[in-house]
Structure formats: C-alpha cells, structure tokens
C-alpha cells in the first residue's frame, strides 16, 4: 500500500491524496460514532435529537455529558460510550497521523544514492 523501504518518497500530490483519504476515513469514524451515540441517548434516556447530539458530541470531544443519565440503561450506555470515545480518539489520531509519520520517517531513512528507480 505504501512505498517500500529504499524507494523514493511519493510526490507531494500523491501524499496529499493519501492524507485526504485517511482524513475522510477518520471523519467517517467520528460521524458513525456520533450517530451511534445519538441513537443510544435517544433510546436509553429518551432525549430529543438535539439533546442526544449534544451529549454524544460532548463525550466524543472529551468534555463529558451535559445531562446526567437518569436510568440504569442510560448510565451503563454513557459509561460504555465514554470508554469507546477514548479509544476512538486514539484510533482517529492514528489514522490521521499515520501517513504524516510514515512520510517523515521515510524521508529520514531514504538515501538518494542507494534508492532503486520506480
């Protein structure tokens, strides 16, 4: 998928396309997670959609819920969703920074005199 060790780093335009694809994947991960959180808050807590959006977005953003859960199911859901949001943050960070870190390390280790032609 990515360039092999010893080959020339890809052109900036190709890197920009790769980064855009990774950013789109990360945005989709956040959007799906936000939708799942909204569904959970609407189902377990009976919140209206704007309130469910606010609570899910605040948890995904690391701020915590706005409305404290009142039901047993809502409390379990909020706890699990908070744990999931922490893992999602790490996953999204890895997806977005992966191409950048790879490019930096590839440029650092690439030797122009010994590289094979493409």
Foldseek 3Di string as FASTA:
>chain_A
DADDQQADHDDPVVLVVLLVVLLVVLVVLLVVLLVVQLVQCCVQQVDDSVQSSQQSVCLLVVNHGPDDRDDPSSNVVSVVSSVVSVVSVVVSVCSNCVSVVVRVVRVVRHDVVRHDYD
